[in-house]
């Protein structure tokens, strides 16, 4: 398996890893990969910082409707706009 493919395969486990809910054997495999892959370490560190900043925000802010619509459109989630 190429390094790029291994990175892509592990990408789906990063949220669970950062949250501390990843199974131990997968966690060990990911940590072994992170030891040798600077790009994946950057992604994990960025994800950790993003989660930290989100948790630190004291007041949830409502998005203006125009921004919400643009965001949902970009994420291809227009069907959810009909429910909100």
N, C-alpha and C. Protein backbone atom coordinates (compact mmCIF):
# COMPACT_ATOMS: atom_id res chain seq x y z
N UNK A 1 0.85 -1.18 0.00
CA UNK A 1 0.00 0.00 0.00
C UNK A 1 0.89 1.24 0.00
N UNK A 2 0.57 2.20 -0.84
CA UNK A 2 1.37 3.42 -0.89
C UNK A 2 1.09 4.27 0.34
N UNK A 3 2.03 5.16 0.63
CA UNK A 3 1.86 6.04 1.78
C UNK A 3 0.63 6.91 1.63
N UNK A 4 0.42 7.46 0.41
CA UNK A 4 -0.76 8.29 0.18
C UNK A 4 -2.05 7.52 0.42
N UNK A 5 -2.09 6.27 -0.03
CA UNK A 5 -3.29 5.46 0.17
C UNK A 5 -3.49 5.17 1.66
N UNK A 6 -2.40 4.91 2.36
CA UNK A 6 -2.50 4.64 3.80
C UNK A 6 -3.02 5.88 4.52
N UNK A 7 -2.55 7.05 4.13
CA UNK A 7 -3.05 8.30 4.71
C UNK A 7 -4.56 8.43 4.50
N UNK A 8 -5.00 8.17 3.27
CA UNK A 8 -6.43 8.27 2.95
C UNK A 8 -7.24 7.27 3.76
N UNK A 9 -6.71 6.06 3.94
CA UNK A 9 -7.42 5.04 4.70
C UNK A 9 -7.58 5.44 6.16
N UNK A 10 -6.57 6.10 6.71
CA UNK A 10 -6.61 6.49 8.11
C UNK A 10 -7.39 7.78 8.35
N UNK A 11 -7.62 8.54 7.32
CA UNK A 11 -8.30 9.83 7.45
C UNK A 11 -9.66 9.70 8.14
N UNK A 12 -10.40 8.65 7.83
CA UNK A 12 -11.72 8.46 8.41
C UNK A 12 -11.70 8.15 9.90
N UNK A 13 -10.53 7.83 10.44
CA UNK A 13 -10.45 7.49 11.86
C UNK A 13 -10.01 8.66 12.73
N UNK A 14 -9.66 9.78 12.11
CA UNK A 14 -9.07 10.88 12.87
C UNK A 14 -10.01 11.48 13.90
N UNK A 15 -11.27 11.65 13.59
CA UNK A 15 -12.20 12.23 14.56
C UNK A 15 -12.30 11.35 15.80
N UNK A 16 -12.44 10.05 15.59
CA UNK A 16 -12.50 9.13 16.73
C UNK A 16 -11.19 9.15 17.52
N UNK A 17 -10.07 9.27 16.81
CA UNK A 17 -8.77 9.34 17.48
C UNK A 17 -8.68 10.58 18.36
N UNK A 18 -9.02 11.72 17.82
CA UNK A 18 -8.96 12.98 18.57
C UNK A 18 -9.94 12.95 19.74
N UNK A 19 -11.11 12.34 19.55
CA UNK A 19 -12.11 12.25 20.61
C UNK A 19 -11.76 11.21 21.66
N UNK A 20 -10.78 10.35 21.36
CA UNK A 20 -10.39 9.31 22.31
C UNK A 20 -11.29 8.09 22.27
N UNK A 21 -12.02 7.91 21.17
CA UNK A 21 -12.95 6.78 21.09
C UNK A 21 -12.52 5.73 20.07
N UNK A 22 -11.33 5.89 19.50
CA UNK A 22 -10.83 4.94 18.51
C UNK A 22 -10.38 3.66 19.20
N UNK A 23 -10.70 2.51 18.61
CA UNK A 23 -10.29 1.23 19.18
C UNK A 23 -8.77 1.21 19.33
N UNK A 24 -8.31 0.55 20.39
CA UNK A 24 -6.91 0.54 20.76
C UNK A 24 -5.99 0.10 19.63
N UNK A 25 -6.36 -0.98 18.92
CA UNK A 25 -5.48 -1.47 17.85
C UNK A 25 -5.37 -0.48 16.70
N UNK A 26 -6.47 0.20 16.38
CA UNK A 26 -6.43 1.22 15.33
C UNK A 26 -5.66 2.45 15.81
N UNK A 27 -5.81 2.76 17.07
CA UNK A 27 -5.10 3.88 17.66
C UNK A 27 -3.59 3.66 17.56
N UNK A 28 -3.15 2.46 17.88
CA UNK A 28 -1.73 2.13 17.80
C UNK A 28 -1.23 2.23 16.36
N UNK A 29 -2.03 1.75 15.42
CA UNK A 29 -1.64 1.82 14.00
C UNK A 29 -1.56 3.27 13.54
N UNK A 30 -2.52 4.08 13.95
CA UNK A 30 -2.52 5.48 13.57
C UNK A 30 -1.32 6.21 14.18
N UNK A 31 -1.02 5.95 15.44
CA UNK A 31 0.11 6.61 16.09
C UNK A 31 1.43 6.20 15.44
N UNK A 32 1.54 4.96 15.02
CA UNK A 32 2.73 4.50 14.31
C UNK A 32 2.86 5.27 12.99
N UNK A 33 1.75 5.43 12.29
CA UNK A 33 1.75 6.17 11.03
C UNK A 33 2.11 7.63 11.27
N UNK A 34 1.54 8.23 12.31
CA UNK A 34 1.79 9.64 12.61
C UNK A 34 3.26 9.90 12.92
N UNK A 35 3.92 8.92 13.51
CA UNK A 35 5.33 9.08 13.85
C UNK A 35 6.18 9.31 12.60
N UNK A 36 5.73 8.82 11.47
CA UNK A 36 6.52 8.95 10.25
C UNK A 36 5.88 9.80 9.17
N UNK A 37 4.75 10.40 9.44
CA UNK A 37 4.04 11.16 8.40
C UNK A 37 3.73 12.57 8.90
N UNK A 38 4.54 13.51 8.48
CA UNK A 38 4.37 14.89 8.91
C UNK A 38 3.03 15.48 8.44
N UNK A 39 2.60 15.15 7.23
CA UNK A 39 1.33 15.69 6.72
C UNK A 39 0.15 15.26 7.60
N UNK A 40 0.12 13.99 7.99
CA UNK A 40 -0.98 13.52 8.83
C UNK A 40 -0.91 14.12 10.23
N UNK A 41 0.31 14.32 10.74
CA UNK A 41 0.45 14.98 12.05
C UNK A 41 -0.12 16.39 12.00
N UNK A 42 0.12 17.09 10.90
CA UNK A 42 -0.42 18.44 10.74
C UNK A 42 -1.95 18.39 10.74
N UNK A 43 -2.53 17.42 10.03
CA UNK A 43 -3.99 17.30 9.98
C UNK A 43 -4.55 17.02 11.37
N UNK A 44 -3.92 16.10 12.10
CA UNK A 44 -4.39 15.76 13.45
C UNK A 44 -4.27 16.97 14.37
N UNK A 45 -3.16 17.67 14.33
CA UNK A 45 -2.98 18.84 15.18
C UNK A 45 -3.99 19.94 14.85
N UNK A 46 -4.27 20.11 13.56
CA UNK A 46 -5.26 21.09 13.14
C UNK A 46 -6.65 20.70 13.62
N UNK A 47 -6.98 19.43 13.50
CA UNK A 47 -8.28 18.94 13.97
C UNK A 47 -8.41 19.13 15.47
N UNK A 48 -7.36 18.80 16.21
CA UNK A 48 -7.38 18.99 17.67
C UNK A 48 -7.60 20.46 18.02
N UNK A 49 -6.89 21.35 17.35
CA UNK A 49 -7.03 22.78 17.62
C UNK A 49 -8.43 23.26 17.27
N UNK A 50 -8.98 22.79 16.18
CA UNK A 50 -10.33 23.16 15.78
C UNK A 50 -11.35 22.74 16.83
N UNK A 51 -11.23 21.51 17.32
CA UNK A 51 -12.14 21.01 18.36
C UNK A 51 -11.97 21.84 19.63
N UNK A 52 -10.73 22.13 19.99
CA UNK A 52 -10.46 22.93 21.19
C UNK A 52 -11.09 24.31 21.08
N UNK A 53 -10.91 24.96 19.95
CA UNK A 53 -11.48 26.29 19.75
C UNK A 53 -13.00 26.25 19.77
N UNK A 54 -13.57 25.22 19.19
CA UNK A 54 -15.02 25.08 19.19
C UNK A 54 -15.55 24.93 20.62
N UNK A 55 -14.88 24.10 21.39
CA UNK A 55 -15.32 23.87 22.78
C UNK A 55 -15.14 25.10 23.64
N UNK A 56 -14.16 25.93 23.33
CA UNK A 56 -13.90 27.14 24.10
C UNK A 56 -14.89 28.25 23.81
N UNK A 57 -15.52 28.21 22.66
CA UNK A 57 -16.45 29.28 22.33
C UNK A 57 -17.61 29.23 23.31
N UNK A 58 -17.84 30.33 23.98
CA UNK A 58 -18.81 30.33 25.08
C UNK A 58 -20.25 30.47 24.62
N UNK A 59 -20.47 31.20 23.59
CA UNK A 59 -21.84 31.42 23.14
C UNK A 59 -22.03 30.92 21.72
N UNK A 60 -22.98 30.02 21.54
CA UNK A 60 -23.26 29.62 20.16
C UNK A 60 -23.90 30.79 19.42
N UNK A 61 -23.43 31.00 18.23
CA UNK A 61 -23.97 32.09 17.42
C UNK A 61 -24.84 31.51 16.31
N UNK A 62 -25.95 32.15 16.09
CA UNK A 62 -26.79 31.76 14.98
C UNK A 62 -26.22 32.37 13.71
N UNK A 63 -26.15 31.54 12.69
CA UNK A 63 -25.68 32.03 11.41
C UNK A 63 -26.78 32.84 10.75
N UNK A 64 -26.41 33.94 10.14
CA UNK A 64 -27.42 34.65 9.34
C UNK A 64 -27.95 33.71 8.26
N UNK A 65 -29.21 33.85 7.93
CA UNK A 65 -29.85 32.94 6.99
C UNK A 65 -29.12 32.87 5.65
N UNK A 66 -28.65 34.00 5.15
CA UNK A 66 -27.94 33.99 3.87
C UNK A 66 -26.65 33.14 3.95
N UNK A 67 -25.93 33.28 5.04
CA UNK A 67 -24.70 32.49 5.24
C UNK A 67 -25.04 31.02 5.37
N UNK A 68 -26.09 30.70 6.12
CA UNK A 68 -26.52 29.32 6.29
C UNK A 68 -26.86 28.69 4.93
N UNK A 69 -27.59 29.42 4.11
CA UNK A 69 -27.96 28.90 2.80
C UNK A 69 -26.74 28.65 1.93
N UNK A 70 -25.78 29.58 1.93
CA UNK A 70 -24.55 29.39 1.14
C UNK A 70 -23.75 28.20 1.64
N UNK A 71 -23.66 28.06 2.95
CA UNK A 71 -22.93 26.94 3.54
C UNK A 71 -23.57 25.61 3.17
N UNK A 72 -24.86 25.50 3.35
CA UNK A 72 -25.56 24.26 3.02
C UNK A 72 -25.45 23.95 1.52
N UNK A 73 -25.51 24.99 0.69
CA UNK A 73 -25.36 24.78 -0.74
C UNK A 73 -23.97 24.23 -1.05
N UNK A 74 -22.93 24.81 -0.47
CA UNK A 74 -21.55 24.37 -0.71
C UNK A 74 -21.32 22.95 -0.21
N UNK A 75 -21.97 22.60 0.88
CA UNK A 75 -21.82 21.26 1.44
C UNK A 75 -22.79 20.26 0.81
N UNK A 76 -23.57 20.73 -0.17
CA UNK A 76 -24.53 19.89 -0.87
C UNK A 76 -25.56 19.33 0.11
N UNK A 77 -26.06 20.22 0.98
CA UNK A 77 -27.03 19.82 2.00
C UNK A 77 -28.32 20.63 1.89
N UNK A 78 -28.66 21.04 0.69
CA UNK A 78 -29.84 21.89 0.52
C UNK A 78 -31.11 21.26 1.07
N UNK A 79 -31.19 19.94 1.08
CA UNK A 79 -32.39 19.27 1.60
C UNK A 79 -32.62 19.60 3.07
N UNK A 80 -31.54 19.88 3.80
CA UNK A 80 -31.68 20.21 5.22
C UNK A 80 -32.24 21.61 5.41
N UNK A 81 -32.06 22.47 4.43
CA UNK A 81 -32.61 23.83 4.54
C UNK A 81 -34.13 23.79 4.57
N UNK A 82 -34.71 22.84 3.88
CA UNK A 82 -36.17 22.73 3.84
C UNK A 82 -36.72 22.38 5.22
N UNK A 83 -35.91 21.68 6.04
CA UNK A 83 -36.36 21.25 7.36
C UNK A 83 -36.12 22.31 8.43
N UNK A 84 -35.30 23.31 8.13
CA UNK A 84 -34.98 24.30 9.17
C UNK A 84 -35.86 25.52 9.09
